Amino acid sequence: MLDGFHHVAVICSDYPTSKAFYTETLGFTVLDENYREARDSYKCDLALPDGSQIELFSFPGAPARPSRPEAQGLRHLAFRVQDIDAAVTTLTSKHVECEDIRTDPYTGKRFTFFQDPDGLPLELYEIS
């Protein structure tokens, strides 16, 4: 029935900062970008080479997302990487703080967490 995820929607507090983070820091490509005057809001469709997409929205006055303690709902967004050490090096060179790399006790795969400009938890998960 399901073939995979098409996109994940993210609401940001500072549109230029988040757009730069997802494009310049993480390497997403802008597919489409629209300013919606009636909502004083941006909608930007971003993609990775494999077709994975994020819809980046800005809404004036949107409340902050509770992260600590963890709230119900989406916990984090995980990105596949071939080489987690290289990915962490790239992120830290761009002033993105990453947690220590850990090993998943169930899969034996290595992973780490970092945050977007609004504190949304993001994960790198090594698949090689």
N, C-alpha and C. Protein backbone atom coordinates (compact mmCIF):
# COMPACT_ATOMS: atom_id res chain seq x y z
N MET A 1 0.82 -1.19 0.00
CA MET A 1 0.00 0.00 0.00
C MET A 1 0.87 1.27 0.00
N LEU A 2 1.79 1.40 0.96
CA LEU A 2 2.65 2.58 1.04
C LEU A 2 3.98 2.30 0.36
N ASP A 3 4.51 3.29 -0.32
CA ASP A 3 5.79 3.14 -1.01
C ASP A 3 6.94 3.85 -0.31
N GLY A 4 6.64 4.66 0.69
CA GLY A 4 7.67 5.42 1.38
C GLY A 4 7.14 6.80 1.73
N PHE A 5 7.99 7.63 2.28
CA PHE A 5 7.61 9.00 2.62
C PHE A 5 7.82 9.91 1.42
N HIS A 6 6.91 10.82 1.20
CA HIS A 6 7.09 11.82 0.16
C HIS A 6 7.77 13.04 0.75
N HIS A 7 7.25 13.54 1.88
CA HIS A 7 7.84 14.72 2.51
C HIS A 7 7.51 14.76 3.99
N VAL A 8 8.25 15.59 4.69
CA VAL A 8 8.01 15.93 6.08
C VAL A 8 7.84 17.43 6.12
N ALA A 9 6.86 17.93 6.85
CA ALA A 9 6.62 19.37 6.96
C ALA A 9 7.24 19.90 8.25
N VAL A 10 7.93 21.02 8.12
CA VAL A 10 8.59 21.66 9.26
C VAL A 10 8.15 23.13 9.30
N ILE A 11 7.72 23.58 10.47
CA ILE A 11 7.38 25.00 10.67
C ILE A 11 8.53 25.64 11.41
N CYS A 12 9.06 26.72 10.86
CA CYS A 12 10.22 27.37 11.46
C CYS A 12 9.83 28.73 12.04
N SER A 13 10.70 29.26 12.89
CA SER A 13 10.45 30.58 13.49
C SER A 13 11.10 31.70 12.69
N ASP A 14 12.20 31.41 12.02
CA ASP A 14 12.94 32.42 11.25
C ASP A 14 13.22 31.82 9.87
N TYR A 15 12.41 32.18 8.90
CA TYR A 15 12.46 31.55 7.59
C TYR A 15 13.84 31.66 6.91
N PRO A 16 14.45 32.85 6.82
CA PRO A 16 15.77 32.91 6.15
C PRO A 16 16.83 32.04 6.83
N THR A 17 16.81 32.01 8.16
CA THR A 17 17.79 31.20 8.90
C THR A 17 17.57 29.71 8.64
N SER A 18 16.33 29.26 8.71
CA SER A 18 16.04 27.84 8.49
C SER A 18 16.27 27.43 7.05
N LYS A 19 15.90 28.29 6.11
CA LYS A 19 16.14 27.98 4.69
C LYS A 19 17.65 27.82 4.45
N ALA A 20 18.45 28.72 4.99
CA ALA A 20 19.91 28.62 4.84
C ALA A 20 20.44 27.35 5.49
N PHE A 21 19.92 26.98 6.65
CA PHE A 21 20.37 25.77 7.34
C PHE A 21 20.10 24.53 6.49
N TYR A 22 18.88 24.40 6.00
CA TYR A 22 18.52 23.20 5.24
C TYR A 22 19.19 23.16 3.86
N THR A 23 19.45 24.31 3.25
CA THR A 23 20.08 24.31 1.93
C THR A 23 21.60 24.36 2.04
N GLU A 24 22.14 25.37 2.71
CA GLU A 24 23.59 25.56 2.76
C GLU A 24 24.30 24.60 3.70
N THR A 25 23.68 24.28 4.83
CA THR A 25 24.33 23.40 5.80
C THR A 25 24.07 21.93 5.49
N LEU A 26 22.79 21.58 5.22
CA LEU A 26 22.46 20.17 5.00
C LEU A 26 22.45 19.76 3.53
N GLY A 27 22.42 20.72 2.61
CA GLY A 27 22.53 20.38 1.20
C GLY A 27 21.24 20.10 0.46
N PHE A 28 20.11 20.49 1.01
CA PHE A 28 18.84 20.35 0.29
C PHE A 28 18.81 21.32 -0.89
N THR A 29 18.09 20.96 -1.94
CA THR A 29 17.88 21.80 -3.10
C THR A 29 16.47 22.38 -3.04
N VAL A 30 16.34 23.65 -3.39
CA VAL A 30 15.01 24.27 -3.44
C VAL A 30 14.31 23.84 -4.72
N LEU A 31 13.16 23.19 -4.57
CA LEU A 31 12.34 22.80 -5.72
C LEU A 31 11.36 23.90 -6.09
N ASP A 32 10.79 24.53 -5.07
CA ASP A 32 9.78 25.57 -5.28
C ASP A 32 9.71 26.41 -4.02
N GLU A 33 9.45 27.69 -4.18
CA GLU A 33 9.36 28.60 -3.04
C GLU A 33 8.26 29.61 -3.32
N ASN A 34 7.34 29.74 -2.36
CA ASN A 34 6.21 30.64 -2.54
C ASN A 34 5.95 31.44 -1.28
N TYR A 35 5.73 32.74 -1.46
CA TYR A 35 5.26 33.58 -0.37
C TYR A 35 3.74 33.64 -0.48
N ARG A 36 3.06 33.29 0.60
CA ARG A 36 1.60 33.28 0.63
C ARG A 36 1.13 34.50 1.39
N GLU A 37 0.82 35.56 0.65
CA GLU A 37 0.50 36.86 1.23
C GLU A 37 -0.66 36.80 2.22
N ALA A 38 -1.70 36.06 1.90
CA ALA A 38 -2.87 35.99 2.78
C ALA A 38 -2.52 35.44 4.16
N ARG A 39 -1.47 34.62 4.23
CA ARG A 39 -1.06 34.02 5.50
C ARG A 39 0.23 34.64 6.04
N ASP A 40 0.81 35.60 5.30
CA ASP A 40 2.11 36.17 5.65
C ASP A 40 3.09 35.04 5.94
N SER A 41 3.14 34.09 5.02
CA SER A 41 3.83 32.84 5.25
C SER A 41 4.58 32.39 4.00
N TYR A 42 5.71 31.73 4.23
CA TYR A 42 6.45 31.09 3.14
C TYR A 42 6.20 29.59 3.16
N LYS A 43 6.24 28.99 1.97
CA LYS A 43 6.26 27.54 1.81
C LYS A 43 7.37 27.24 0.81
N CYS A 44 8.34 26.46 1.26
CA CYS A 44 9.49 26.13 0.42
C CYS A 44 9.62 24.62 0.37
N ASP A 45 9.61 24.07 -0.85
CA ASP A 45 9.79 22.64 -1.05
C ASP A 45 11.28 22.36 -1.28
N LEU A 46 11.85 21.52 -0.43
CA LEU A 46 13.28 21.20 -0.45
C LEU A 46 13.46 19.72 -0.70
N ALA A 47 14.51 19.34 -1.42
CA ALA A 47 14.72 17.92 -1.73
C ALA A 47 16.17 17.50 -1.59
N LEU A 48 16.34 16.23 -1.28
CA LEU A 48 17.64 15.56 -1.30
C LEU A 48 17.76 14.80 -2.61
N PRO A 49 18.97 14.36 -2.98
CA PRO A 49 19.15 13.67 -4.26
C PRO A 49 18.26 12.43 -4.45
N ASP A 50 17.90 11.74 -3.35
CA ASP A 50 17.07 10.53 -3.50
C ASP A 50 15.59 10.84 -3.64
N GLY A 51 15.22 12.13 -3.63
CA GLY A 51 13.82 12.52 -3.77
C GLY A 51 13.13 12.81 -2.45
N SER A 52 13.76 12.53 -1.33
CA SER A 52 13.18 12.88 -0.03
C SER A 52 12.98 14.38 0.03
N GLN A 53 11.85 14.80 0.60
CA GLN A 53 11.55 16.23 0.62
C GLN A 53 11.15 16.72 2.00
N ILE A 54 11.42 18.00 2.22
CA ILE A 54 10.92 18.73 3.38
C ILE A 54 10.14 19.91 2.85
N GLU A 55 8.95 20.13 3.41
CA GLU A 55 8.20 21.35 3.17
C GLU A 55 8.52 22.28 4.33
N LEU A 56 9.18 23.38 4.05
CA LEU A 56 9.54 24.34 5.09
C LEU A 56 8.52 25.46 5.09
N PHE A 57 7.85 25.65 6.21
CA PHE A 57 6.82 26.68 6.36
C PHE A 57 7.25 27.71 7.37
N SER A 58 6.77 28.94 7.20
CA SER A 58 6.87 29.96 8.24
C SER A 58 5.45 30.44 8.52
N PHE A 59 5.09 30.53 9.77
CA PHE A 59 3.80 31.07 10.19
C PHE A 59 4.04 32.07 11.30
N PRO A 60 3.59 33.31 11.15
CA PRO A 60 3.81 34.30 12.21
C PRO A 60 3.17 33.85 13.52
N GLY A 61 3.93 33.94 14.59
CA GLY A 61 3.39 33.64 15.92
C GLY A 61 3.21 32.17 16.22
N ALA A 62 3.76 31.27 15.42
CA ALA A 62 3.63 29.84 15.71
C ALA A 62 4.32 29.53 17.04
N PRO A 63 3.69 28.74 17.89
CA PRO A 63 4.31 28.42 19.18
C PRO A 63 5.54 27.54 19.01
N ALA A 64 6.45 27.64 19.95
CA ALA A 64 7.66 26.80 19.93
C ALA A 64 7.27 25.34 20.15
N ARG A 65 8.06 24.43 19.59
CA ARG A 65 7.84 23.00 19.75
C ARG A 65 8.46 22.55 21.06
N PRO A 66 7.68 21.87 21.91
CA PRO A 66 8.29 21.34 23.15
C PRO A 66 9.20 20.17 22.83
N SER A 67 10.44 20.24 23.29
CA SER A 67 11.39 19.15 23.06
C SER A 67 11.82 18.47 24.35
N ARG A 68 11.86 19.21 25.42
CA ARG A 68 12.27 18.65 26.70
C ARG A 68 11.27 19.07 27.76
N PRO A 69 10.63 18.18 28.47
CA PRO A 69 10.70 16.75 28.23
C PRO A 69 10.05 16.40 26.89
N GLU A 70 10.42 15.24 26.35
CA GLU A 70 9.90 14.86 25.04
C GLU A 70 8.37 14.83 25.07
N ALA A 71 7.79 15.46 24.05
CA ALA A 71 6.33 15.54 23.94
C ALA A 71 5.83 14.44 23.00
N GLN A 72 4.55 14.18 23.06
CA GLN A 72 3.95 13.22 22.13
C GLN A 72 4.04 13.75 20.72
N GLY A 73 4.02 12.87 19.76
CA GLY A 73 4.09 13.28 18.37
C GLY A 73 5.43 12.91 17.76
N LEU A 74 5.75 13.56 16.67
CA LEU A 74 7.00 13.27 15.96
C LEU A 74 8.19 13.51 16.88
N ARG A 75 9.02 12.51 17.04
CA ARG A 75 10.15 12.61 17.96
C ARG A 75 11.37 13.24 17.30
N HIS A 76 11.73 12.78 16.11
CA HIS A 76 12.86 13.35 15.39
C HIS A 76 12.79 12.92 13.93
N LEU A 77 13.62 13.54 13.12
CA LEU A 77 13.75 13.21 11.71
C LEU A 77 15.16 12.67 11.50
N ALA A 78 15.29 11.47 10.92
CA ALA A 78 16.59 10.83 10.75
C ALA A 78 16.99 10.84 9.28
N PHE A 79 18.25 11.17 9.02
CA PHE A 79 18.81 11.17 7.67
C PHE A 79 19.80 10.02 7.53
N ARG A 80 19.71 9.29 6.41
CA ARG A 80 20.67 8.23 6.09
C ARG A 80 21.98 8.87 5.66
N VAL A 81 23.08 8.32 6.14
CA VAL A 81 24.41 8.73 5.68
C VAL A 81 25.26 7.48 5.49
N GLN A 82 26.20 7.55 4.55
CA GLN A 82 27.13 6.45 4.31
C GLN A 82 28.28 6.48 5.31
N ASP A 83 28.74 7.68 5.66
CA ASP A 83 29.91 7.85 6.53
C ASP A 83 29.57 8.89 7.59
N ILE A 84 29.21 8.42 8.77
CA ILE A 84 28.76 9.33 9.83
C ILE A 84 29.89 10.23 10.32
N ASP A 85 31.12 9.72 10.33
CA ASP A 85 32.25 10.55 10.77
C ASP A 85 32.42 11.74 9.84
N ALA A 86 32.35 11.52 8.53
CA ALA A 86 32.49 12.60 7.56
C ALA A 86 31.33 13.58 7.68
N ALA A 87 30.11 13.06 7.90
CA ALA A 87 28.94 13.94 8.03
C ALA A 87 29.05 14.82 9.27
N VAL A 88 29.49 14.24 10.38
CA VAL A 88 29.67 15.03 11.61
C VAL A 88 30.76 16.07 11.42
N THR A 89 31.85 15.71 10.77
CA THR A 89 32.92 16.67 10.50
C THR A 89 32.39 17.84 9.67
N THR A 90 31.60 17.54 8.64
CA THR A 90 31.02 18.60 7.81
C THR A 90 30.12 19.50 8.64
N LEU A 91 29.25 18.92 9.45
CA LEU A 91 28.33 19.73 10.26
C LEU A 91 29.09 20.58 11.28
N THR A 92 30.06 20.00 11.97
CA THR A 92 30.78 20.77 12.98
C THR A 92 31.60 21.89 12.33
N SER A 93 32.07 21.66 11.10
CA SER A 93 32.80 22.73 10.40
C SER A 93 31.88 23.90 10.05
N LYS A 94 30.58 23.63 10.05
CA LYS A 94 29.57 24.67 9.78
C LYS A 94 28.90 25.13 11.08
N HIS A 95 29.57 24.86 12.20
CA HIS A 95 29.15 25.32 13.53
C HIS A 95 27.84 24.69 14.00
N VAL A 96 27.60 23.44 13.58
CA VAL A 96 26.45 22.69 14.07
C VAL A 96 26.96 21.69 15.10
N GLU A 97 26.44 21.79 16.31
CA GLU A 97 26.88 20.91 17.39
C GLU A 97 26.19 19.56 17.27
N CYS A 98 26.98 18.50 17.30
CA CYS A 98 26.45 17.14 17.24
C CYS A 98 26.75 16.43 18.56
N GLU A 99 25.85 15.55 18.95
CA GLU A 99 26.09 14.72 20.12
C GLU A 99 27.18 13.70 19.77
N ASP A 100 27.68 13.02 20.79
CA ASP A 100 28.64 11.94 20.55
C ASP A 100 27.98 10.87 19.68
N ILE A 101 28.78 10.24 18.82
CA ILE A 101 28.28 9.15 17.99
C ILE A 101 28.10 7.92 18.89
N ARG A 102 26.93 7.31 18.77
CA ARG A 102 26.61 6.11 19.56
C ARG A 102 26.31 4.95 18.61
N THR A 103 26.22 3.76 19.15
CA THR A 103 25.85 2.57 18.38
C THR A 103 24.51 2.06 18.88
N ASP A 104 23.58 1.86 17.94
CA ASP A 104 22.26 1.33 18.27
C ASP A 104 22.44 -0.11 18.75
N PRO A 105 22.03 -0.42 20.00
CA PRO A 105 22.26 -1.77 20.52
C PRO A 105 21.44 -2.85 19.80
N TYR A 106 20.42 -2.46 19.07
CA TYR A 106 19.57 -3.43 18.39
C TYR A 106 20.01 -3.70 16.96
N THR A 107 20.53 -2.66 16.28
CA THR A 107 20.91 -2.82 14.87
C THR A 107 22.42 -2.85 14.65
N GLY A 108 23.17 -2.36 15.65
CA GLY A 108 24.62 -2.27 15.50
C GLY A 108 25.05 -1.09 14.63
N LYS A 109 24.12 -0.25 14.22
CA LYS A 109 24.42 0.91 13.36
C LYS A 109 24.76 2.12 14.23
N ARG A 110 25.61 2.99 13.68
CA ARG A 110 26.03 4.19 14.40
C ARG A 110 25.11 5.36 14.07
N PHE A 111 24.89 6.23 15.08
CA PHE A 111 24.00 7.38 14.91
C PHE A 111 24.41 8.51 15.84
N THR A 112 23.90 9.69 15.53
CA THR A 112 24.08 10.84 16.40
C THR A 112 22.93 11.81 16.16
N PHE A 113 22.77 12.74 17.07
CA PHE A 113 21.72 13.75 16.96
C PHE A 113 22.31 15.14 16.89
N PHE A 114 21.59 16.03 16.23
CA PHE A 114 21.88 17.46 16.20
C PHE A 114 20.55 18.17 16.07
N GLN A 115 20.54 19.50 16.00
CA GLN A 115 19.29 20.25 15.97
C GLN A 115 19.28 21.25 14.83
N ASP A 116 18.08 21.55 14.34
CA ASP A 116 17.94 22.64 13.37
C ASP A 116 17.88 23.96 14.15
N PRO A 117 17.78 25.10 13.48
CA PRO A 117 17.80 26.38 14.20
C PRO A 117 16.69 26.56 15.24
N ASP A 118 15.60 25.80 15.12
CA ASP A 118 14.51 25.89 16.10
C ASP A 118 14.55 24.79 17.14
N GLY A 119 15.62 24.03 17.18
CA GLY A 119 15.75 22.96 18.17
C GLY A 119 15.07 21.67 17.77
N LEU A 120 14.61 21.54 16.52
CA LEU A 120 14.01 20.29 16.06
C LEU A 120 15.09 19.21 16.07
N PRO A 121 14.87 18.11 16.77
CA PRO A 121 15.88 17.06 16.82
C PRO A 121 16.02 16.37 15.46
N LEU A 122 17.25 16.31 14.98
CA LEU A 122 17.59 15.64 13.72
C LEU A 122 18.63 14.59 14.02
N GLU A 123 18.60 13.50 13.25
CA GLU A 123 19.51 12.39 13.49
C GLU A 123 20.26 12.04 12.20
N LEU A 124 21.51 11.66 12.36
CA LEU A 124 22.27 11.04 11.30
C LEU A 124 22.35 9.56 11.62
N TYR A 125 22.02 8.71 10.65
CA TYR A 125 22.01 7.26 10.87
C TYR A 125 22.84 6.61 9.77
N GLU A 126 23.94 6.00 10.15
CA GLU A 126 24.87 5.41 9.19
C GLU A 126 24.31 4.07 8.67
N ILE A 127 24.19 3.97 7.35
CA ILE A 127 23.59 2.77 6.77
C ILE A 127 24.59 1.83 6.14
N SER A 128 25.87 2.24 6.06
CA SER A 128 26.86 1.37 5.41
C SER A 128 27.32 0.28 6.36
